[in-house]
Amino acid sequence: MNREIKKGNLNYDQSGKAYPDNSEMKENWDCIWEKDGKYYELVGDDEHKEWEEVSNRMKINREELYKLYMEWVEQVTEECDWKTSFGPEEIVGAITTILENNPHLYE
């Protein structure tokens, strides 16, 4: 689910909900808007559109991610019996690869 990330002005209604300029334009509906490091996407339907912060919606299956990460650790240590530790870049790289190859881990 790769959607275009657009940068632009976000406005806020009286309830505090965010919406971008030209939010009525359909080409702005299937994208993510970035403003000041926060990301927003359209939720709802054609009649009741609201923009919600993306970080509030993402859920990661931590148990499955942990299981897949530990499988990676085991595979690496079996292939390289001298390997006793992992650096931050290796860990981030492994987790990123796991998430990219297993989109079922997050919703």
N, C-alpha and C. Protein backbone atom coordinates (compact mmCIF):
# COMPACT_ATOMS: atom_id res chain seq x y z
N MET A 1 0.84 -1.17 0.00
CA MET A 1 0.00 0.00 0.00
C MET A 1 0.89 1.24 0.00
N ASN A 2 1.52 1.53 -1.12
CA ASN A 2 2.33 2.73 -1.25
C ASN A 2 1.48 3.85 -1.81
N ARG A 3 1.25 4.85 -1.00
CA ARG A 3 0.48 5.99 -1.45
C ARG A 3 1.37 7.21 -1.47
N GLU A 4 1.05 8.12 -2.36
CA GLU A 4 1.81 9.36 -2.47
C GLU A 4 1.70 10.15 -1.17
N ILE A 5 2.83 10.71 -0.75
CA ILE A 5 2.82 11.59 0.41
C ILE A 5 2.93 13.01 -0.11
N LYS A 6 1.92 13.82 0.20
CA LYS A 6 1.89 15.21 -0.23
C LYS A 6 2.17 16.10 0.96
N LYS A 7 2.89 17.16 0.69
CA LYS A 7 3.14 18.16 1.73
C LYS A 7 2.27 19.36 1.42
N GLY A 8 1.69 19.91 2.42
CA GLY A 8 0.85 21.07 2.19
C GLY A 8 0.25 21.60 3.47
N ASN A 9 -0.54 22.60 3.30
CA ASN A 9 -1.19 23.24 4.42
C ASN A 9 -2.31 22.37 4.95
N LEU A 10 -2.39 22.20 6.24
CA LEU A 10 -3.51 21.52 6.86
C LEU A 10 -4.30 22.55 7.66
N ASN A 11 -5.59 22.50 7.50
CA ASN A 11 -6.49 23.36 8.25
C ASN A 11 -7.16 22.52 9.33
N TYR A 12 -7.76 23.16 10.28
CA TYR A 12 -8.43 22.44 11.37
C TYR A 12 -9.82 23.00 11.55
N ASP A 13 -10.81 22.08 11.72
CA ASP A 13 -12.17 22.54 11.95
C ASP A 13 -12.36 22.80 13.45
N GLN A 14 -13.58 23.14 13.84
CA GLN A 14 -13.84 23.50 15.24
C GLN A 14 -13.61 22.34 16.21
N SER A 15 -13.73 21.10 15.71
CA SER A 15 -13.52 19.95 16.59
C SER A 15 -12.04 19.56 16.69
N GLY A 16 -11.18 20.24 15.90
CA GLY A 16 -9.75 19.93 15.93
C GLY A 16 -9.32 18.95 14.88
N LYS A 17 -10.24 18.49 14.02
CA LYS A 17 -9.89 17.57 12.94
C LYS A 17 -9.12 18.31 11.85
N ALA A 18 -8.10 17.65 11.31
CA ALA A 18 -7.27 18.24 10.26
C ALA A 18 -7.84 17.93 8.89
N TYR A 19 -7.65 18.85 7.96
CA TYR A 19 -7.97 18.60 6.56
C TYR A 19 -7.09 19.49 5.70
N PRO A 20 -6.65 18.98 4.52
CA PRO A 20 -5.75 19.76 3.66
C PRO A 20 -6.52 20.77 2.83
N ASP A 21 -5.80 21.74 2.28
CA ASP A 21 -6.40 22.63 1.29
C ASP A 21 -6.92 21.77 0.15
N ASN A 22 -7.99 22.19 -0.48
CA ASN A 22 -8.58 21.47 -1.62
C ASN A 22 -8.95 20.04 -1.26
N SER A 23 -9.45 19.83 -0.05
CA SER A 23 -9.79 18.47 0.38
C SER A 23 -10.96 17.89 -0.39
N GLU A 24 -11.69 18.72 -1.11
CA GLU A 24 -12.81 18.21 -1.90
C GLU A 24 -12.36 17.58 -3.23
N MET A 25 -11.11 17.80 -3.61
CA MET A 25 -10.59 17.25 -4.87
C MET A 25 -10.25 15.77 -4.69
N LYS A 26 -10.84 14.92 -5.53
CA LYS A 26 -10.67 13.47 -5.38
C LYS A 26 -9.22 13.01 -5.47
N GLU A 27 -8.36 13.71 -6.21
CA GLU A 27 -6.96 13.31 -6.30
C GLU A 27 -6.22 13.49 -4.97
N ASN A 28 -6.83 14.22 -4.04
CA ASN A 28 -6.24 14.38 -2.71
C ASN A 28 -6.75 13.34 -1.72
N TRP A 29 -7.65 12.47 -2.14
CA TRP A 29 -8.25 11.51 -1.22
C TRP A 29 -7.41 10.28 -0.99
N ASP A 30 -6.72 9.78 -2.00
CA ASP A 30 -5.97 8.53 -1.86
C ASP A 30 -4.48 8.81 -1.68
N CYS A 31 -4.18 9.67 -0.75
CA CYS A 31 -2.78 10.00 -0.45
C CYS A 31 -2.66 10.29 1.03
N ILE A 32 -1.46 10.50 1.44
CA ILE A 32 -1.18 10.85 2.83
C ILE A 32 -0.62 12.26 2.83
N TRP A 33 -1.07 13.07 3.76
CA TRP A 33 -0.61 14.45 3.86
C TRP A 33 0.36 14.57 5.02
N GLU A 34 1.46 15.30 4.78
CA GLU A 34 2.47 15.52 5.83
C GLU A 34 2.49 16.99 6.18
N LYS A 35 2.49 17.26 7.46
CA LYS A 35 2.61 18.63 7.96
C LYS A 35 3.35 18.58 9.29
N ASP A 36 4.47 19.27 9.36
CA ASP A 36 5.26 19.36 10.59
C ASP A 36 5.58 17.99 11.19
N GLY A 37 5.93 17.04 10.32
CA GLY A 37 6.34 15.73 10.79
C GLY A 37 5.20 14.80 11.17
N LYS A 38 3.95 15.23 11.00
CA LYS A 38 2.80 14.37 11.26
C LYS A 38 2.15 14.01 9.94
N TYR A 39 1.59 12.81 9.88
CA TYR A 39 1.00 12.30 8.64
C TYR A 39 -0.50 12.06 8.84
N TYR A 40 -1.28 12.44 7.83
CA TYR A 40 -2.73 12.33 7.90
C TYR A 40 -3.26 11.62 6.67
N GLU A 41 -4.34 10.84 6.84
CA GLU A 41 -5.00 10.18 5.73
C GLU A 41 -6.50 10.34 5.87
N LEU A 42 -7.18 10.16 4.75
CA LEU A 42 -8.63 10.29 4.73
C LEU A 42 -9.27 9.02 5.27
N VAL A 43 -10.21 9.19 6.17
CA VAL A 43 -11.02 8.07 6.67
C VAL A 43 -12.48 8.46 6.50
N GLY A 44 -13.35 7.50 6.51
CA GLY A 44 -14.77 7.77 6.34
C GLY A 44 -15.21 7.45 4.92
N ASP A 45 -16.28 8.09 4.47
CA ASP A 45 -16.82 7.85 3.14
C ASP A 45 -17.03 9.18 2.43
N ASP A 46 -17.64 9.13 1.24
CA ASP A 46 -17.83 10.35 0.45
C ASP A 46 -18.66 11.40 1.18
N GLU A 47 -19.57 10.96 2.02
CA GLU A 47 -20.45 11.90 2.72
C GLU A 47 -19.82 12.44 4.02
N HIS A 48 -19.00 11.64 4.65
CA HIS A 48 -18.43 12.02 5.95
C HIS A 48 -16.93 11.80 5.94
N LYS A 49 -16.21 12.70 5.30
CA LYS A 49 -14.75 12.59 5.19
C LYS A 49 -14.10 13.25 6.40
N GLU A 50 -13.11 12.57 6.95
CA GLU A 50 -12.31 13.14 8.02
C GLU A 50 -10.86 12.75 7.77
N TRP A 51 -9.96 13.59 8.18
CA TRP A 51 -8.53 13.31 8.07
C TRP A 51 -8.03 12.94 9.45
N GLU A 52 -7.38 11.80 9.53
CA GLU A 52 -6.93 11.28 10.80
C GLU A 52 -5.43 11.09 10.77
N GLU A 53 -4.79 11.34 11.89
CA GLU A 53 -3.35 11.15 11.96
C GLU A 53 -3.02 9.68 11.77
N VAL A 54 -2.13 9.40 10.84
CA VAL A 54 -1.80 8.02 10.47
C VAL A 54 -1.23 7.25 11.65
N SER A 55 -0.37 7.87 12.44
CA SER A 55 0.27 7.15 13.54
C SER A 55 -0.75 6.65 14.56
N ASN A 56 -1.94 7.24 14.58
CA ASN A 56 -2.97 6.77 15.49
C ASN A 56 -3.62 5.48 15.01
N ARG A 57 -3.39 5.11 13.75
CA ARG A 57 -4.09 3.98 13.16
C ARG A 57 -3.22 2.75 12.98
N MET A 58 -1.92 2.90 12.94
CA MET A 58 -1.06 1.75 12.65
C MET A 58 -0.92 0.85 13.87
N LYS A 59 -1.18 -0.42 13.66
CA LYS A 59 -1.02 -1.42 14.70
C LYS A 59 -0.06 -2.47 14.16
N ILE A 60 0.93 -2.81 14.94
CA ILE A 60 1.92 -3.82 14.54
C ILE A 60 1.75 -5.04 15.43
N ASN A 61 1.72 -6.20 14.81
CA ASN A 61 1.65 -7.46 15.55
C ASN A 61 3.05 -7.71 16.13
N ARG A 62 3.25 -7.28 17.35
CA ARG A 62 4.57 -7.35 17.98
C ARG A 62 5.05 -8.79 18.19
N GLU A 63 4.13 -9.68 18.56
CA GLU A 63 4.55 -11.07 18.81
C GLU A 63 5.07 -11.71 17.53
N GLU A 64 4.36 -11.50 16.42
CA GLU A 64 4.79 -12.08 15.14
C GLU A 64 6.09 -11.42 14.66
N LEU A 65 6.20 -10.11 14.84
CA LEU A 65 7.43 -9.41 14.47
C LEU A 65 8.60 -9.95 15.28
N TYR A 66 8.41 -10.14 16.58
CA TYR A 66 9.45 -10.68 17.44
C TYR A 66 9.86 -12.08 16.97
N LYS A 67 8.86 -12.92 16.65
CA LYS A 67 9.14 -14.28 16.18
C LYS A 67 9.98 -14.25 14.90
N LEU A 68 9.59 -13.42 13.95
CA LEU A 68 10.34 -13.33 12.69
C LEU A 68 11.73 -12.74 12.90
N TYR A 69 11.85 -11.78 13.81
CA TYR A 69 13.16 -11.21 14.11
C TYR A 69 14.08 -12.27 14.72
N MET A 70 13.54 -13.03 15.66
CA MET A 70 14.36 -14.07 16.30
C MET A 70 14.74 -15.17 15.31
N GLU A 71 13.87 -15.44 14.34
CA GLU A 71 14.24 -16.39 13.28
C GLU A 71 15.41 -15.84 12.47
N TRP A 72 15.38 -14.53 12.20
CA TRP A 72 16.49 -13.90 11.47
C TRP A 72 17.78 -14.00 12.29
N VAL A 73 17.69 -13.70 13.59
CA VAL A 73 18.87 -13.78 14.46
C VAL A 73 19.44 -15.20 14.43
N GLU A 74 18.57 -16.18 14.56
CA GLU A 74 19.02 -17.57 14.56
C GLU A 74 19.68 -17.94 13.22
N GLN A 75 19.09 -17.51 12.13
CA GLN A 75 19.65 -17.80 10.80
C GLN A 75 21.04 -17.18 10.66
N VAL A 76 21.19 -15.93 11.07
CA VAL A 76 22.48 -15.25 10.95
C VAL A 76 23.52 -15.92 11.83
N THR A 77 23.16 -16.25 13.06
CA THR A 77 24.15 -16.86 13.96
C THR A 77 24.52 -18.28 13.53
N GLU A 78 23.60 -18.98 12.85
CA GLU A 78 23.95 -20.30 12.32
C GLU A 78 24.91 -20.18 11.13
N GLU A 79 24.67 -19.17 10.29
CA GLU A 79 25.54 -18.97 9.12
C GLU A 79 26.91 -18.42 9.51
N CYS A 80 26.93 -17.63 10.56
CA CYS A 80 28.18 -16.99 11.02
C CYS A 80 28.35 -17.29 12.49
N ASP A 81 28.95 -18.43 12.82
CA ASP A 81 29.03 -18.84 14.22
C ASP A 81 29.88 -17.91 15.07
N TRP A 82 30.65 -17.04 14.44
CA TRP A 82 31.46 -16.07 15.18
C TRP A 82 30.65 -14.84 15.59
N LYS A 83 29.44 -14.69 15.04
CA LYS A 83 28.62 -13.50 15.28
C LYS A 83 28.00 -13.59 16.67
N THR A 84 28.32 -12.62 17.54
CA THR A 84 27.79 -12.63 18.91
C THR A 84 26.96 -11.40 19.25
N SER A 85 26.98 -10.40 18.36
CA SER A 85 26.18 -9.20 18.65
C SER A 85 25.79 -8.54 17.32
N PHE A 86 24.80 -7.66 17.40
CA PHE A 86 24.31 -6.93 16.23
C PHE A 86 24.33 -5.44 16.54
N GLY A 87 24.74 -4.66 15.56
CA GLY A 87 24.73 -3.21 15.71
C GLY A 87 23.36 -2.64 15.39
N PRO A 88 23.14 -1.37 15.76
CA PRO A 88 21.85 -0.72 15.52
C PRO A 88 21.43 -0.75 14.05
N GLU A 89 22.36 -0.52 13.13
CA GLU A 89 22.00 -0.52 11.71
C GLU A 89 21.55 -1.90 11.25
N GLU A 90 22.19 -2.94 11.74
CA GLU A 90 21.78 -4.31 11.39
C GLU A 90 20.38 -4.61 11.92
N ILE A 91 20.11 -4.19 13.15
CA ILE A 91 18.81 -4.45 13.76
C ILE A 91 17.71 -3.70 13.01
N VAL A 92 17.94 -2.42 12.75
CA VAL A 92 16.95 -1.63 12.02
C VAL A 92 16.75 -2.20 10.62
N GLY A 93 17.83 -2.57 9.97
CA GLY A 93 17.73 -3.16 8.64
C GLY A 93 16.93 -4.46 8.65
N ALA A 94 17.16 -5.29 9.64
CA ALA A 94 16.43 -6.57 9.73
C ALA A 94 14.94 -6.33 9.97
N ILE A 95 14.63 -5.44 10.89
CA ILE A 95 13.22 -5.16 11.19
C ILE A 95 12.53 -4.52 9.99
N THR A 96 13.21 -3.62 9.32
CA THR A 96 12.64 -2.99 8.11
C THR A 96 12.36 -4.03 7.05
N THR A 97 13.30 -4.92 6.80
CA THR A 97 13.11 -5.98 5.81
C THR A 97 11.94 -6.88 6.20
N ILE A 98 11.87 -7.24 7.46
CA ILE A 98 10.76 -8.09 7.93
C ILE A 98 9.42 -7.40 7.68
N LEU A 99 9.32 -6.12 8.03
CA LEU A 99 8.06 -5.39 7.84
C LEU A 99 7.73 -5.25 6.36
N GLU A 100 8.72 -4.95 5.54
CA GLU A 100 8.48 -4.81 4.09
C GLU A 100 8.03 -6.11 3.46
N ASN A 101 8.56 -7.24 3.93
CA ASN A 101 8.23 -8.54 3.35
C ASN A 101 7.01 -9.20 3.98
N ASN A 102 6.47 -8.61 5.03
CA ASN A 102 5.34 -9.19 5.76
C ASN A 102 4.31 -8.12 6.09
N PRO A 103 3.63 -7.57 5.08
CA PRO A 103 2.67 -6.49 5.34
C PRO A 103 1.50 -6.93 6.25
N HIS A 104 1.31 -8.24 6.42
CA HIS A 104 0.25 -8.69 7.32
C HIS A 104 0.56 -8.35 8.78
N LEU A 105 1.80 -7.95 9.07
CA LEU A 105 2.17 -7.63 10.46
C LEU A 105 1.59 -6.31 10.94
N TYR A 106 1.17 -5.47 10.02
CA TYR A 106 0.62 -4.18 10.42
C TYR A 106 -0.64 -3.87 9.64
N GLU A 107 -1.47 -3.05 10.27
CA GLU A 107 -2.72 -2.65 9.63
C GLU A 107 -2.88 -1.16 9.69
